[in-house]
Amino acid sequence: MNEADALDLMRMALATVLMGCAPAVGAAMVVGILVALFQALTQIQEATLTFVPKIIAVFVALMISGSFVGAQVYAFSEQTYQRIANAPK
């Protein structure tokens, strides 16, 4: 494996990680903004109010996007193993 192959493999790994965590992080961000807006409008400053909706949103997002994330990880694994199999000996 040369430097170009290693860099390409790292690029694919980072892209896979970003695609895998994007649904959960996106859901947490949207719910966080909505809860912060609600707290600002009602002046309710309860610390636990922010955690429960975010946790529920992240779990729902992971349940909905689980097959997509699994497919991304599977595709990355297949490409990695294909490169190992086709590597010059």
PDB file of N, CA and C in Angstrom:
ATOM      1  N   MET A   1       0.846  -1.170   0.000  1.00  0.00           N
ATOM      2  CA  MET A   1       0.000   0.000   0.000  1.00  0.00           C
ATOM      3  C   MET A   1       0.898   1.242   0.000  1.00  0.00           C
ATOM      4  N   ASN A   2       0.647   2.111  -0.933  1.00  0.00           N
ATOM      5  CA  ASN A   2       1.435   3.334  -1.000  1.00  0.00           C
ATOM      6  C   ASN A   2       0.690   4.481  -0.308  1.00  0.00           C
ATOM      7  N   GLU A   3       1.287   5.662  -0.364  1.00  0.00           N
ATOM      8  CA  GLU A   3       0.712   6.811   0.337  1.00  0.00           C
ATOM      9  C   GLU A   3      -0.640   7.220  -0.229  1.00  0.00           C
ATOM     10  N   ALA A   4      -0.801   7.143  -1.529  1.00  0.00           N
ATOM     11  CA  ALA A   4      -2.073   7.531  -2.151  1.00  0.00           C
ATOM     12  C   ALA A   4      -3.201   6.611  -1.704  1.00  0.00           C
ATOM     13  N   ASP A   5      -2.913   5.316  -1.621  1.00  0.00           N
ATOM     14  CA  ASP A   5      -3.936   4.372  -1.158  1.00  0.00           C
ATOM     15  C   ASP A   5      -4.300   4.628   0.302  1.00  0.00           C
ATOM     16  N   ALA A   6      -3.307   4.893   1.125  1.00  0.00           N
ATOM     17  CA  ALA A   6      -3.570   5.156   2.545  1.00  0.00           C
ATOM     18  C   ALA A   6      -4.387   6.433   2.721  1.00  0.00           C
ATOM     19  N   LEU A   7      -4.054   7.479   1.974  1.00  0.00           N
ATOM     20  CA  LEU A   7      -4.814   8.727   2.065  1.00  0.00           C
ATOM     21  C   LEU A   7      -6.243   8.553   1.570  1.00  0.00           C
ATOM     22  N   ASP A   8      -6.414   7.788   0.488  1.00  0.00           N
ATOM     23  CA  ASP A   8      -7.754   7.540  -0.024  1.00  0.00           C
ATOM     24  C   ASP A   8      -8.571   6.729   0.977  1.00  0.00           C
ATOM     25  N   LEU A   9      -7.950   5.773   1.622  1.00  0.00           N
ATOM     26  CA  LEU A   9      -8.631   4.969   2.632  1.00  0.00           C
ATOM     27  C   LEU A   9      -9.036   5.826   3.830  1.00  0.00           C
ATOM     28  N   MET A  10      -8.171   6.724   4.248  1.00  0.00           N
ATOM     29  CA  MET A  10      -8.508   7.620   5.353  1.00  0.00           C
ATOM     30  C   MET A  10      -9.628   8.588   4.965  1.00  0.00           C
ATOM     31  N   ARG A  11      -9.614   9.054   3.733  1.00  0.00           N
ATOM     32  CA  ARG A  11     -10.682   9.938   3.255  1.00  0.00           C
ATOM     33  C   ARG A  11     -12.018   9.208   3.277  1.00  0.00           C
ATOM     34  N   MET A  12     -12.030   7.969   2.806  1.00  0.00           N
ATOM     35  CA  MET A  12     -13.260   7.188   2.824  1.00  0.00           C
ATOM     36  C   MET A  12     -13.720   6.911   4.257  1.00  0.00           C
ATOM     37  N   ALA A  13     -12.781   6.663   5.166  1.00  0.00           N
ATOM     38  CA  ALA A  13     -13.132   6.399   6.561  1.00  0.00           C
ATOM     39  C   ALA A  13     -13.759   7.632   7.201  1.00  0.00           C
ATOM     40  N   LEU A  14     -13.180   8.804   6.970  1.00  0.00           N
ATOM     41  CA  LEU A  14     -13.737  10.038   7.521  1.00  0.00           C
ATOM     42  C   LEU A  14     -15.110  10.341   6.940  1.00  0.00           C
ATOM     43  N   ALA A  15     -15.279  10.109   5.645  1.00  0.00           N
ATOM     44  CA  ALA A  15     -16.587  10.334   5.023  1.00  0.00           C
ATOM     45  C   ALA A  15     -17.626   9.377   5.605  1.00  0.00           C
ATOM     46  N   THR A  16     -17.230   8.137   5.868  1.00  0.00           N
ATOM     47  CA  THR A  16     -18.144   7.168   6.454  1.00  0.00           C
ATOM     48  C   THR A  16     -18.538   7.571   7.867  1.00  0.00           C
ATOM     49  N   VAL A  17     -17.591   8.043   8.648  1.00  0.00           N
ATOM     50  CA  VAL A  17     -17.892   8.493  10.015  1.00  0.00           C
ATOM     51  C   VAL A  17     -18.836   9.690   9.981  1.00  0.00           C
ATOM     52  N   LEU A  18     -18.589  10.642   9.097  1.00  0.00           N
ATOM     53  CA  LEU A  18     -19.451  11.818   9.004  1.00  0.00           C
ATOM     54  C   LEU A  18     -20.864  11.450   8.555  1.00  0.00           C
ATOM     55  N   MET A  19     -20.975  10.542   7.595  1.00  0.00           N
ATOM     56  CA  MET A  19     -22.295  10.108   7.142  1.00  0.00           C
ATOM     57  C   MET A  19     -23.003   9.292   8.217  1.00  0.00           C
ATOM     58  N   GLY A  20     -22.244   8.587   9.032  1.00  0.00           N
ATOM     59  CA  GLY A  20     -22.842   7.769  10.080  1.00  0.00           C
ATOM     60  C   GLY A  20     -23.366   8.578  11.251  1.00  0.00           C
ATOM     61  N   CYS A  21     -22.684   9.650  11.593  1.00  0.00           N
ATOM     62  CA  CYS A  21     -23.109  10.434  12.754  1.00  0.00           C
ATOM     63  C   CYS A  21     -24.004  11.607  12.377  1.00  0.00           C
ATOM     64  N   ALA A  22     -24.143  11.913  11.117  1.00  0.00           N
ATOM     65  CA  ALA A  22     -24.925  13.081  10.692  1.00  0.00           C
ATOM     66  C   ALA A  22     -26.392  13.032  11.114  1.00  0.00           C
ATOM     67  N   PRO A  23     -27.095  11.905  10.973  1.00  0.00           N
ATOM     68  CA  PRO A  23     -28.507  11.918  11.382  1.00  0.00           C
ATOM     69  C   PRO A  23     -28.702  12.204  12.867  1.00  0.00           C
ATOM     70  N   ALA A  24     -27.895  11.605  13.726  1.00  0.00           N
ATOM     71  CA  ALA A  24     -28.042  11.814  15.168  1.00  0.00           C
ATOM     72  C   ALA A  24     -27.659  13.241  15.556  1.00  0.00           C
ATOM     73  N   VAL A  25     -26.576  13.737  15.011  1.00  0.00           N
ATOM     74  CA  VAL A  25     -26.133  15.095  15.338  1.00  0.00           C
ATOM     75  C   VAL A  25     -27.126  16.123  14.791  1.00  0.00           C
ATOM     76  N   GLY A  26     -27.633  15.888  13.597  1.00  0.00           N
ATOM     77  CA  GLY A  26     -28.611  16.808  13.019  1.00  0.00           C
ATOM     78  C   GLY A  26     -29.893  16.864  13.833  1.00  0.00           C
ATOM     79  N   ALA A  27     -30.377  15.700  14.263  1.00  0.00           N
ATOM     80  CA  ALA A  27     -31.588  15.676  15.090  1.00  0.00           C
ATOM     81  C   ALA A  27     -31.356  16.386  16.414  1.00  0.00           C
ATOM     82  N   ALA A  28     -30.205  16.157  17.032  1.00  0.00           N
ATOM     83  CA  ALA A  28     -29.897  16.811  18.311  1.00  0.00           C
ATOM     84  C   ALA A  28     -29.798  18.324  18.135  1.00  0.00           C
ATOM     85  N   MET A  29     -29.234  18.769  17.024  1.00  0.00           N
ATOM     86  CA  MET A  29     -29.125  20.212  16.786  1.00  0.00           C
ATOM     87  C   MET A  29     -30.492  20.855  16.598  1.00  0.00           C
ATOM     88  N   VAL A  30     -31.345  20.225  15.804  1.00  0.00           N
ATOM     89  CA  VAL A  30     -32.667  20.796  15.547  1.00  0.00           C
ATOM     90  C   VAL A  30     -33.480  20.863  16.832  1.00  0.00           C
ATOM     91  N   VAL A  31     -33.486  19.758  17.586  1.00  0.00           N
ATOM     92  CA  VAL A  31     -34.247  19.746  18.836  1.00  0.00           C
ATOM     93  C   VAL A  31     -33.641  20.724  19.835  1.00  0.00           C
ATOM     94  N   GLY A  32     -32.321  20.834  19.888  1.00  0.00           N
ATOM     95  CA  GLY A  32     -31.678  21.785  20.780  1.00  0.00           C
ATOM     96  C   GLY A  32     -32.062  23.214  20.475  1.00  0.00           C
ATOM     97  N   ILE A  33     -32.124  23.555  19.209  1.00  0.00           N
ATOM     98  CA  ILE A  33     -32.515  24.915  18.820  1.00  0.00           C
ATOM     99  C   ILE A  33     -33.977  25.172  19.180  1.00  0.00           C
ATOM    100  N   LEU A  34     -34.843  24.187  18.933  1.00  0.00           N
ATOM    101  CA  LEU A  34     -36.255  24.359  19.267  1.00  0.00           C
ATOM    102  C   LEU A  34     -36.471  24.493  20.770  1.00  0.00           C
ATOM    103  N   VAL A  35     -35.773  23.685  21.563  1.00  0.00           N
ATOM    104  CA  VAL A  35     -35.907  23.772  23.016  1.00  0.00           C
ATOM    105  C   VAL A  35     -35.345  25.101  23.517  1.00  0.00           C
ATOM    106  N   ALA A  36     -34.233  25.542  22.969  1.00  0.00           N
ATOM    107  CA  ALA A  36     -33.665  26.827  23.375  1.00  0.00           C
ATOM    108  C   ALA A  36     -34.607  27.976  23.034  1.00  0.00           C
ATOM    109  N   LEU A  37     -35.247  27.899  21.870  1.00  0.00           N
ATOM    110  CA  LEU A  37     -36.221  28.922  21.497  1.00  0.00           C
ATOM    111  C   LEU A  37     -37.415  28.898  22.453  1.00  0.00           C
ATOM    112  N   PHE A  38     -37.889  27.701  22.773  1.00  0.00           N
ATOM    113  CA  PHE A  38     -38.997  27.566  23.721  1.00  0.00           C
ATOM    114  C   PHE A  38     -38.619  28.131  25.087  1.00  0.00           C
ATOM    115  N   GLN A  39     -37.414  27.824  25.538  1.00  0.00           N
ATOM    116  CA  GLN A  39     -36.971  28.335  26.838  1.00  0.00           C
ATOM    117  C   GLN A  39     -36.828  29.858  26.813  1.00  0.00           C
ATOM    118  N   ALA A  40     -36.359  30.395  25.713  1.00  0.00           N
ATOM    119  CA  ALA A  40     -36.210  31.855  25.628  1.00  0.00           C
ATOM    120  C   ALA A  40     -37.561  32.552  25.590  1.00  0.00           C
ATOM    121  N   LEU A  41     -38.520  31.943  24.911  1.00  0.00           N
ATOM    122  CA  LEU A  41     -39.845  32.567  24.809  1.00  0.00           C
ATOM    123  C   LEU A  41     -40.619  32.483  26.115  1.00  0.00           C
ATOM    124  N   THR A  42     -40.476  31.369  26.829  1.00  0.00           N
ATOM    125  CA  THR A  42     -41.259  31.188  28.056  1.00  0.00           C
ATOM    126  C   THR A  42     -40.468  31.533  29.310  1.00  0.00           C
ATOM    127  N   GLN A  43     -39.200  31.788  29.180  1.00  0.00           N
ATOM    128  CA  GLN A  43     -38.294  32.092  30.291  1.00  0.00           C
ATOM    129  C   GLN A  43     -38.256  30.973  31.324  1.00  0.00           C
ATOM    130  N   ILE A  44     -38.441  29.745  30.853  1.00  0.00           N
ATOM    131  CA  ILE A  44     -38.277  28.566  31.716  1.00  0.00           C
ATOM    132  C   ILE A  44     -36.827  28.123  31.559  1.00  0.00           C
ATOM    133  N   GLN A  45     -36.065  28.144  32.618  1.00  0.00           N
ATOM    134  CA  GLN A  45     -34.652  27.786  32.551  1.00  0.00           C
ATOM    135  C   GLN A  45     -34.389  26.491  33.322  1.00  0.00           C
ATOM    136  N   GLU A  46     -35.088  25.456  32.959  1.00  0.00           N
ATOM    137  CA  GLU A  46     -34.912  24.154  33.593  1.00  0.00           C
ATOM    138  C   GLU A  46     -33.823  23.394  32.840  1.00  0.00           C
ATOM    139  N   ALA A  47     -32.802  22.948  33.556  1.00  0.00           N
ATOM    140  CA  ALA A  47     -31.653  22.284  32.914  1.00  0.00           C
ATOM    141  C   ALA A  47     -32.034  20.933  32.328  1.00  0.00           C
ATOM    142  N   THR A  48     -32.927  20.212  32.985  1.00  0.00           N
ATOM    143  CA  THR A  48     -33.281  18.873  32.491  1.00  0.00           C
ATOM    144  C   THR A  48     -34.190  18.928  31.281  1.00  0.00           C
ATOM    145  N   LEU A  49     -34.785  20.073  31.016  1.00  0.00           N
ATOM    146  CA  LEU A  49     -35.683  20.198  29.875  1.00  0.00           C
ATOM    147  C   LEU A  49     -34.948  20.005  28.552  1.00  0.00           C
ATOM    148  N   THR A  50     -33.672  20.273  28.515  1.00  0.00           N
ATOM    149  CA  THR A  50     -32.926  20.160  27.260  1.00  0.00           C
ATOM    150  C   THR A  50     -32.507  18.729  26.961  1.00  0.00           C
ATOM    151  N   PHE A  51     -32.295  17.912  27.995  1.00  0.00           N
ATOM    152  CA  PHE A  51     -31.722  16.590  27.765  1.00  0.00           C
ATOM    153  C   PHE A  51     -32.726  15.569  27.249  1.00  0.00           C
ATOM    154  N   VAL A  52     -33.885  15.507  27.849  1.00  0.00           N
ATOM    155  CA  VAL A  52     -34.852  14.464  27.498  1.00  0.00           C
ATOM    156  C   VAL A  52     -35.305  14.560  26.037  1.00  0.00           C
ATOM    157  N   PRO A  53     -35.713  15.723  25.537  1.00  0.00           N
ATOM    158  CA  PRO A  53     -36.099  15.773  24.121  1.00  0.00           C
ATOM    159  C   PRO A  53     -34.952  15.436  23.166  1.00  0.00           C
ATOM    160  N   LYS A  54     -33.729  15.845  23.524  1.00  0.00           N
ATOM    161  CA  LYS A  54     -32.593  15.529  22.660  1.00  0.00           C
ATOM    162  C   LYS A  54     -32.333  14.035  22.621  1.00  0.00           C
ATOM    163  N   ILE A  55     -32.398  13.381  23.779  1.00  0.00           N
ATOM    164  CA  ILE A  55     -32.157  11.941  23.825  1.00  0.00           C
ATOM    165  C   ILE A  55     -33.206  11.204  23.017  1.00  0.00           C
ATOM    166  N   ILE A  56     -34.453  11.593  23.172  1.00  0.00           N
ATOM    167  CA  ILE A  56     -35.528  10.946  22.414  1.00  0.00           C
ATOM    168  C   ILE A  56     -35.330  11.180  20.921  1.00  0.00           C
ATOM    169  N   ALA A  57     -34.992  12.403  20.524  1.00  0.00           N
ATOM    170  CA  ALA A  57     -34.785  12.707  19.105  1.00  0.00           C
ATOM    171  C   ALA A  57     -33.614  11.920  18.526  1.00  0.00           C
ATOM    172  N   VAL A  58     -32.537  11.787  19.291  1.00  0.00           N
ATOM    173  CA  VAL A  58     -31.382  11.032  18.798  1.00  0.00           C
ATOM    174  C   VAL A  58     -31.735   9.556  18.635  1.00  0.00           C
ATOM    175  N   PHE A  59     -32.451   8.982  19.604  1.00  0.00           N
ATOM    176  CA  PHE A  59     -32.848   7.578  19.482  1.00  0.00           C
ATOM    177  C   PHE A  59     -33.785   7.357  18.299  1.00  0.00           C
ATOM    178  N   VAL A  60     -34.717   8.263  18.088  1.00  0.00           N
ATOM    179  CA  VAL A  60     -35.624   8.136  16.942  1.00  0.00           C
ATOM    180  C   VAL A  60     -34.853   8.274  15.634  1.00  0.00           C
ATOM    181  N   ALA A  61     -33.937   9.227  15.575  1.00  0.00           N
ATOM    182  CA  ALA A  61     -33.136   9.409  14.362  1.00  0.00           C
ATOM    183  C   ALA A  61     -32.276   8.180  14.083  1.00  0.00           C
ATOM    184  N   LEU A  62     -31.723   7.579  15.130  1.00  0.00           N
ATOM    185  CA  LEU A  62     -30.915   6.369  14.933  1.00  0.00           C
ATOM    186  C   LEU A  62     -31.769   5.189  14.497  1.00  0.00           C
ATOM    187  N   MET A  63     -32.976   5.095  15.019  1.00  0.00           N
ATOM    188  CA  MET A  63     -33.861   4.006  14.601  1.00  0.00           C
ATOM    189  C   MET A  63     -34.275   4.172  13.138  1.00  0.00           C
ATOM    190  N   ILE A  64     -34.545   5.395  12.733  1.00  0.00           N
ATOM    191  CA  ILE A  64     -34.970   5.649  11.357  1.00  0.00           C
ATOM    192  C   ILE A  64     -33.807   5.471  10.378  1.00  0.00           C
ATOM    193  N   SER A  65     -32.635   5.969  10.745  1.00  0.00           N
ATOM    194  CA  SER A  65     -31.503   5.958   9.813  1.00  0.00           C
ATOM    195  C   SER A  65     -30.546   4.793  10.041  1.00  0.00           C
ATOM    196  N   GLY A  66     -30.924   3.835  10.850  1.00  0.00           N
ATOM    197  CA  GLY A  66     -30.031   2.713  11.146  1.00  0.00           C
ATOM    198  C   GLY A  66     -29.626   1.919   9.915  1.00  0.00           C
ATOM    199  N   SER A  67     -30.570   1.665   9.024  1.00  0.00           N
ATOM    200  CA  SER A  67     -30.236   0.892   7.825  1.00  0.00           C
ATOM    201  C   SER A  67     -29.315   1.677   6.893  1.00  0.00           C
ATOM    202  N   PHE A  68     -29.510   3.002   6.830  1.00  0.00           N
ATOM    203  CA  PHE A  68     -28.639   3.843   6.009  1.00  0.00           C
ATOM    204  C   PHE A  68     -27.213   3.834   6.545  1.00  0.00           C
ATOM    205  N   VAL A  69     -27.071   3.989   7.857  1.00  0.00           N
ATOM    206  CA  VAL A  69     -25.743   3.995   8.474  1.00  0.00           C
ATOM    207  C   VAL A  69     -25.084   2.635   8.308  1.00  0.00           C
ATOM    208  N   GLY A  70     -25.843   1.576   8.505  1.00  0.00           N
ATOM    209  CA  GLY A  70     -25.302   0.230   8.309  1.00  0.00           C
ATOM    210  C   GLY A  70     -24.845   0.000   6.879  1.00  0.00           C
ATOM    211  N   ALA A  71     -25.601   0.512   5.911  1.00  0.00           N
ATOM    212  CA  ALA A  71     -25.217   0.370   4.506  1.00  0.00           C
ATOM    213  C   ALA A  71     -23.932   1.128   4.205  1.00  0.00           C
ATOM    214  N   GLN A  72     -23.771   2.302   4.821  1.00  0.00           N
ATOM    215  CA  GLN A  72     -22.549   3.075   4.614  1.00  0.00           C
ATOM    216  C   GLN A  72     -21.336   2.332   5.172  1.00  0.00           C
ATOM    217  N   VAL A  73     -21.466   1.786   6.369  1.00  0.00           N
ATOM    218  CA  VAL A  73     -20.358   1.046   6.985  1.00  0.00           C
ATOM    219  C   VAL A  73     -20.058  -0.216   6.187  1.00  0.00           C
ATOM    220  N   TYR A  74     -21.104  -0.887   5.708  1.00  0.00           N
ATOM    221  CA  TYR A  74     -20.918  -2.097   4.902  1.00  0.00           C
ATOM    222  C   TYR A  74     -20.192  -1.775   3.594  1.00  0.00           C
ATOM    223  N   ALA A  75     -20.580  -0.682   2.938  1.00  0.00           N
ATOM    224  CA  ALA A  75     -19.924  -0.294   1.682  1.00  0.00           C
ATOM    225  C   ALA A  75     -18.456   0.038   1.921  1.00  0.00           C
ATOM    226  N   PHE A  76     -18.162   0.743   3.019  1.00  0.00           N
ATOM    227  CA  PHE A  76     -16.771   1.058   3.333  1.00  0.00           C
ATOM    228  C   PHE A  76     -15.976  -0.221   3.595  1.00  0.00           C
ATOM    229  N   SER A  77     -16.549  -1.152   4.326  1.00  0.00           N
ATOM    230  CA  SER A  77     -15.859  -2.415   4.612  1.00  0.00           C
ATOM    231  C   SER A  77     -15.605  -3.204   3.340  1.00  0.00           C
ATOM    232  N   GLU A  78     -16.593  -3.255   2.479  1.00  0.00           N
ATOM    233  CA  GLU A  78     -16.434  -3.977   1.212  1.00  0.00           C
ATOM    234  C   GLU A  78     -15.310  -3.366   0.369  1.00  0.00           C
ATOM    235  N   GLN A  79     -15.267  -2.044   0.287  1.00  0.00           N
ATOM    236  CA  GLN A  79     -14.222  -1.393  -0.493  1.00  0.00           C
ATOM    237  C   GLN A  79     -12.847  -1.640   0.118  1.00  0.00           C
ATOM    238  N   THR A  80     -12.771  -1.624   1.439  1.00  0.00           N
ATOM    239  CA  THR A  80     -11.495  -1.869   2.110  1.00  0.00           C
ATOM    240  C   THR A  80     -11.013  -3.285   1.859  1.00  0.00           C
ATOM    241  N   TYR A  81     -11.912  -4.263   2.016  1.00  0.00           N
ATOM    242  CA  TYR A  81     -11.522  -5.662   1.807  1.00  0.00           C
ATOM    243  C   TYR A  81     -11.209  -5.924   0.327  1.00  0.00           C
ATOM    244  N   GLN A  82     -11.875  -5.217  -0.572  1.00  0.00           N
ATOM    245  CA  GLN A  82     -11.583  -5.361  -2.011  1.00  0.00           C
ATOM    246  C   GLN A  82     -10.155  -4.876  -2.300  1.00  0.00           C
ATOM    247  N   ARG A  83      -9.763  -3.784  -1.676  1.00  0.00           N
ATOM    248  CA  ARG A  83      -8.399  -3.276  -1.878  1.00  0.00           C
ATOM    249  C   ARG A  83      -7.368  -4.255  -1.310  1.00  0.00           C
ATOM    250  N   ILE A  84      -7.685  -4.863  -0.175  1.00  0.00           N
ATOM    251  CA  ILE A  84      -6.761  -5.837   0.411  1.00  0.00           C
ATOM    252  C   ILE A  84      -6.604  -7.041  -0.515  1.00  0.00           C
ATOM    253  N   ALA A  85      -7.726  -7.500  -1.077  1.00  0.00           N
ATOM    254  CA  ALA A  85      -7.685  -8.665  -1.952  1.00  0.00           C
ATOM    255  C   ALA A  85      -6.945  -8.365  -3.267  1.00  0.00           C
ATOM    256  N   ASN A  86      -7.054  -7.152  -3.760  1.00  0.00           N
ATOM    257  CA  ASN A  86      -6.436  -6.779  -5.041  1.00  0.00           C
ATOM    258  C   ASN A  86      -5.060  -6.179  -4.885  1.00  0.00           C
ATOM    259  N   ALA A  87      -4.537  -6.144  -3.685  1.00  0.00           N
ATOM    260  CA  ALA A  87      -3.211  -5.553  -3.461  1.00  0.00           C
ATOM    261  C   ALA A  87      -2.141  -6.425  -4.099  1.00  0.00           C
ATOM    262  N   PRO A  88      -1.147  -5.781  -4.715  1.00  0.00           N
ATOM    263  CA  PRO A  88      -0.049  -6.550  -5.308  1.00  0.00           C
ATOM    264  C   PRO A  88       0.762  -7.257  -4.217  1.00  0.00           C
ATOM    265  N   LYS A  89       1.193  -8.449  -4.537  1.00  0.00           N
ATOM    266  CA  LYS A  89       1.917  -9.242  -3.555  1.00  0.00           C
ATOM    267  C   LYS A  89       3.387  -9.276  -3.813  1.00  0.00           C
TER     268      LYS A  89
END
